[in-house]
Amino acid sequence: MTECMQEAVALVTEQGYSVSKTAASLGITDKLLYNWKTKFEAEQSGTSLTADERAELVTLRKENKELRMEKEILKKANASC
């Protein structure tokens, strides 16, 4: 989440402003602010991955795939010896 999104959500969650009032003052829809709030709460509770965690997961999956392929190649080479 961007800093702007977090600040908008903080107005609702920490400062007690209503979603509709906050959304109107920021020039966004209530639905968008509710979506940001839901996303923020999911990140805080640990049920959602952050962008950094998602990128790390992609990297680890790629590395895991490469290691599995290398393992299979070594198994085949060892079996033929």
N, C-alpha and C. Protein backbone atom coordinates (compact mmCIF):
# COMPACT_ATOMS: atom_id res chain seq x y z
N MET A 1 0.83 -1.19 0.00
CA MET A 1 0.00 0.00 0.00
C MET A 1 0.87 1.24 0.00
N THR A 2 0.42 2.22 -0.71
CA THR A 2 1.16 3.47 -0.74
C THR A 2 0.92 4.24 0.56
N GLU A 3 1.78 5.19 0.79
CA GLU A 3 1.65 6.00 2.00
C GLU A 3 0.32 6.76 2.01
N CYS A 4 -0.08 7.23 0.84
CA CYS A 4 -1.35 7.95 0.71
C CYS A 4 -2.52 7.07 1.12
N MET A 5 -2.51 5.82 0.67
CA MET A 5 -3.58 4.89 1.01
C MET A 5 -3.61 4.64 2.52
N GLN A 6 -2.41 4.42 3.09
CA GLN A 6 -2.32 4.15 4.52
C GLN A 6 -2.84 5.33 5.34
N GLU A 7 -2.52 6.54 4.90
CA GLU A 7 -2.99 7.72 5.62
C GLU A 7 -4.50 7.86 5.53
N ALA A 8 -5.06 7.53 4.38
CA ALA A 8 -6.52 7.58 4.22
C ALA A 8 -7.19 6.56 5.14
N VAL A 9 -6.63 5.36 5.20
CA VAL A 9 -7.18 4.33 6.07
C VAL A 9 -7.03 4.73 7.53
N ALA A 10 -5.91 5.35 7.87
CA ALA A 10 -5.68 5.78 9.25
C ALA A 10 -6.71 6.81 9.70
N LEU A 11 -7.16 7.65 8.78
CA LEU A 11 -8.21 8.62 9.13
C LEU A 11 -9.46 7.91 9.64
N VAL A 12 -9.74 6.76 9.05
CA VAL A 12 -10.93 6.00 9.43
C VAL A 12 -10.66 5.15 10.67
N THR A 13 -9.55 4.39 10.65
CA THR A 13 -9.31 3.41 11.71
C THR A 13 -8.75 4.03 12.99
N GLU A 14 -7.93 5.07 12.86
CA GLU A 14 -7.29 5.63 14.04
C GLU A 14 -7.93 6.94 14.51
N GLN A 15 -8.43 7.71 13.58
CA GLN A 15 -8.95 9.04 13.94
C GLN A 15 -10.47 9.06 14.07
N GLY A 16 -11.11 7.99 13.66
CA GLY A 16 -12.54 7.88 13.85
C GLY A 16 -13.42 8.57 12.83
N TYR A 17 -12.85 9.01 11.72
CA TYR A 17 -13.66 9.62 10.68
C TYR A 17 -14.48 8.54 9.98
N SER A 18 -15.62 8.90 9.47
CA SER A 18 -16.44 7.93 8.73
C SER A 18 -15.83 7.69 7.36
N VAL A 19 -16.11 6.52 6.83
CA VAL A 19 -15.59 6.18 5.50
C VAL A 19 -16.15 7.14 4.46
N SER A 20 -17.44 7.41 4.53
CA SER A 20 -18.05 8.26 3.51
C SER A 20 -17.49 9.68 3.56
N LYS A 21 -17.30 10.23 4.77
CA LYS A 21 -16.76 11.58 4.90
C LYS A 21 -15.30 11.64 4.42
N THR A 22 -14.53 10.64 4.79
CA THR A 22 -13.12 10.59 4.38
C THR A 22 -13.01 10.45 2.87
N ALA A 23 -13.78 9.55 2.31
CA ALA A 23 -13.75 9.33 0.85
C ALA A 23 -14.14 10.59 0.12
N ALA A 24 -15.18 11.26 0.59
CA ALA A 24 -15.64 12.49 -0.07
C ALA A 24 -14.57 13.57 -0.01
N SER A 25 -13.91 13.71 1.14
CA SER A 25 -12.88 14.75 1.27
C SER A 25 -11.65 14.45 0.42
N LEU A 26 -11.42 13.18 0.13
CA LEU A 26 -10.27 12.79 -0.70
C LEU A 26 -10.63 12.69 -2.18
N GLY A 27 -11.91 12.78 -2.49
CA GLY A 27 -12.34 12.70 -3.87
C GLY A 27 -12.31 11.29 -4.44
N ILE A 28 -12.54 10.30 -3.58
CA ILE A 28 -12.59 8.90 -4.01
C ILE A 28 -13.92 8.30 -3.59
N THR A 29 -14.22 7.12 -4.09
CA THR A 29 -15.48 6.48 -3.73
C THR A 29 -15.37 5.76 -2.39
N ASP A 30 -16.51 5.58 -1.76
CA ASP A 30 -16.54 4.83 -0.50
C ASP A 30 -16.00 3.42 -0.71
N LYS A 31 -16.41 2.82 -1.83
CA LYS A 31 -16.00 1.44 -2.13
C LYS A 31 -14.48 1.32 -2.20
N LEU A 32 -13.83 2.29 -2.84
CA LEU A 32 -12.37 2.25 -2.95
C LEU A 32 -11.72 2.33 -1.57
N LEU A 33 -12.23 3.21 -0.72
CA LEU A 33 -11.67 3.34 0.62
C LEU A 33 -11.91 2.08 1.44
N TYR A 34 -13.09 1.48 1.29
CA TYR A 34 -13.36 0.21 1.97
C TYR A 34 -12.38 -0.87 1.49
N ASN A 35 -12.10 -0.90 0.19
CA ASN A 35 -11.14 -1.87 -0.34
C ASN A 35 -9.75 -1.65 0.25
N TRP A 36 -9.32 -0.40 0.34
CA TRP A 36 -8.02 -0.09 0.94
C TRP A 36 -7.98 -0.53 2.40
N LYS A 37 -9.07 -0.25 3.10
CA LYS A 37 -9.16 -0.61 4.52
C LYS A 37 -9.07 -2.12 4.70
N THR A 38 -9.78 -2.85 3.86
CA THR A 38 -9.75 -4.31 3.91
C THR A 38 -8.36 -4.83 3.63
N LYS A 39 -7.72 -4.28 2.61
CA LYS A 39 -6.36 -4.69 2.25
C LYS A 39 -5.39 -4.39 3.39
N PHE A 40 -5.50 -3.20 3.97
CA PHE A 40 -4.63 -2.81 5.08
C PHE A 40 -4.80 -3.74 6.27
N GLU A 41 -6.04 -4.04 6.62
CA GLU A 41 -6.31 -4.93 7.75
C GLU A 41 -5.79 -6.34 7.49
N ALA A 42 -5.89 -6.81 6.25
CA ALA A 42 -5.37 -8.14 5.91
C ALA A 42 -3.85 -8.17 6.03
N GLU A 43 -3.19 -7.10 5.59
CA GLU A 43 -1.73 -7.03 5.71
C GLU A 43 -1.31 -6.99 7.16
N GLN A 44 -2.04 -6.25 7.98
CA GLN A 44 -1.71 -6.13 9.39
C GLN A 44 -1.91 -7.43 10.15
N SER A 45 -2.91 -8.20 9.74
CA SER A 45 -3.19 -9.45 10.43
C SER A 45 -2.32 -10.60 9.93
N GLY A 46 -1.60 -10.36 8.85
CA GLY A 46 -0.73 -11.39 8.31
C GLY A 46 -1.41 -12.35 7.37
N THR A 47 -2.66 -12.09 7.02
CA THR A 47 -3.37 -13.01 6.13
C THR A 47 -3.15 -12.67 4.66
N SER A 48 -2.50 -11.57 4.40
CA SER A 48 -2.24 -11.14 3.02
C SER A 48 -0.75 -10.87 2.86
N LEU A 49 -0.22 -11.14 1.68
CA LEU A 49 1.19 -10.88 1.42
C LEU A 49 1.41 -9.44 0.99
N THR A 50 2.49 -8.87 1.48
CA THR A 50 2.87 -7.54 1.02
C THR A 50 3.52 -7.68 -0.35
N ALA A 51 3.76 -6.56 -1.01
CA ALA A 51 4.38 -6.60 -2.34
C ALA A 51 5.77 -7.22 -2.26
N ASP A 52 6.53 -6.90 -1.22
CA ASP A 52 7.87 -7.47 -1.05
C ASP A 52 7.80 -8.98 -0.82
N GLU A 53 6.85 -9.41 -0.01
CA GLU A 53 6.70 -10.84 0.25
C GLU A 53 6.27 -11.58 -1.02
N ARG A 54 5.40 -10.95 -1.80
CA ARG A 54 4.95 -11.56 -3.06
C ARG A 54 6.12 -11.71 -4.02
N ALA A 55 6.97 -10.67 -4.11
CA ALA A 55 8.14 -10.72 -4.99
C ALA A 55 9.11 -11.79 -4.53
N GLU A 56 9.30 -11.89 -3.23
CA GLU A 56 10.20 -12.92 -2.68
C GLU A 56 9.65 -14.31 -2.97
N LEU A 57 8.34 -14.48 -2.86
CA LEU A 57 7.72 -15.77 -3.15
C LEU A 57 7.94 -16.18 -4.60
N VAL A 58 7.80 -15.24 -5.51
CA VAL A 58 8.04 -15.52 -6.94
C VAL A 58 9.48 -15.96 -7.15
N THR A 59 10.42 -15.24 -6.53
CA THR A 59 11.84 -15.58 -6.64
C THR A 59 12.12 -16.97 -6.08
N LEU A 60 11.58 -17.26 -4.91
CA LEU A 60 11.80 -18.56 -4.29
C LEU A 60 11.19 -19.71 -5.09
N ARG A 61 10.03 -19.48 -5.67
CA ARG A 61 9.41 -20.52 -6.49
C ARG A 61 10.24 -20.80 -7.73
N LYS A 62 10.78 -19.74 -8.33
CA LYS A 62 11.63 -19.91 -9.51
C LYS A 62 12.90 -20.69 -9.13
N GLU A 63 13.51 -20.31 -8.02
CA GLU A 63 14.72 -21.00 -7.55
C GLU A 63 14.41 -22.46 -7.23
N ASN A 64 13.27 -22.71 -6.61
CA ASN A 64 12.88 -24.08 -6.27
C ASN A 64 12.70 -24.92 -7.53
N LYS A 65 12.09 -24.35 -8.55
CA LYS A 65 11.89 -25.05 -9.82
C LYS A 65 13.23 -25.42 -10.45
N GLU A 66 14.17 -24.47 -10.44
CA GLU A 66 15.50 -24.72 -11.00
C GLU A 66 16.23 -25.82 -10.23
N LEU A 67 16.11 -25.79 -8.91
CA LEU A 67 16.78 -26.81 -8.10
C LEU A 67 16.18 -28.19 -8.33
N ARG A 68 14.87 -28.25 -8.51
CA ARG A 68 14.23 -29.55 -8.80
C ARG A 68 14.70 -30.10 -10.15
N MET A 69 14.84 -29.20 -11.13
CA MET A 69 15.31 -29.64 -12.44
C MET A 69 16.75 -30.14 -12.34
N GLU A 70 17.59 -29.43 -11.61
CA GLU A 70 18.98 -29.85 -11.43
C GLU A 70 19.04 -31.20 -10.73
N LYS A 71 18.19 -31.39 -9.74
CA LYS A 71 18.14 -32.66 -9.01
C LYS A 71 17.79 -33.81 -9.95
N GLU A 72 16.80 -33.60 -10.82
CA GLU A 72 16.40 -34.63 -11.77
C GLU A 72 17.54 -34.96 -12.75
N ILE A 73 18.22 -33.94 -13.20
CA ILE A 73 19.35 -34.15 -14.11
C ILE A 73 20.43 -34.97 -13.43
N LEU A 74 20.74 -34.64 -12.18
CA LEU A 74 21.76 -35.38 -11.44
C LEU A 74 21.32 -36.82 -11.17
N LYS A 75 20.04 -37.04 -10.90
CA LYS A 75 19.52 -38.39 -10.69
C LYS A 75 19.71 -39.23 -11.95
N LYS A 76 19.37 -38.66 -13.11
CA LYS A 76 19.49 -39.39 -14.37
C LYS A 76 20.94 -39.67 -14.69
N ALA A 77 21.81 -38.70 -14.43
CA ALA A 77 23.23 -38.90 -14.70
C ALA A 77 23.80 -39.98 -13.78
N ASN A 78 23.37 -39.98 -12.54
CA ASN A 78 23.85 -40.97 -11.58
C ASN A 78 23.33 -42.36 -11.89
N ALA A 79 22.12 -42.46 -12.39
CA ALA A 79 21.52 -43.75 -12.73
C ALA A 79 22.22 -44.39 -13.92
N SER A 80 22.74 -43.59 -14.81
CA SER A 80 23.38 -44.14 -16.00
C SER A 80 24.83 -44.52 -15.75
N CYS A 81 25.38 -44.20 -14.62
CA CYS A 81 26.78 -44.55 -14.30
C CYS A 81 26.91 -45.93 -13.75
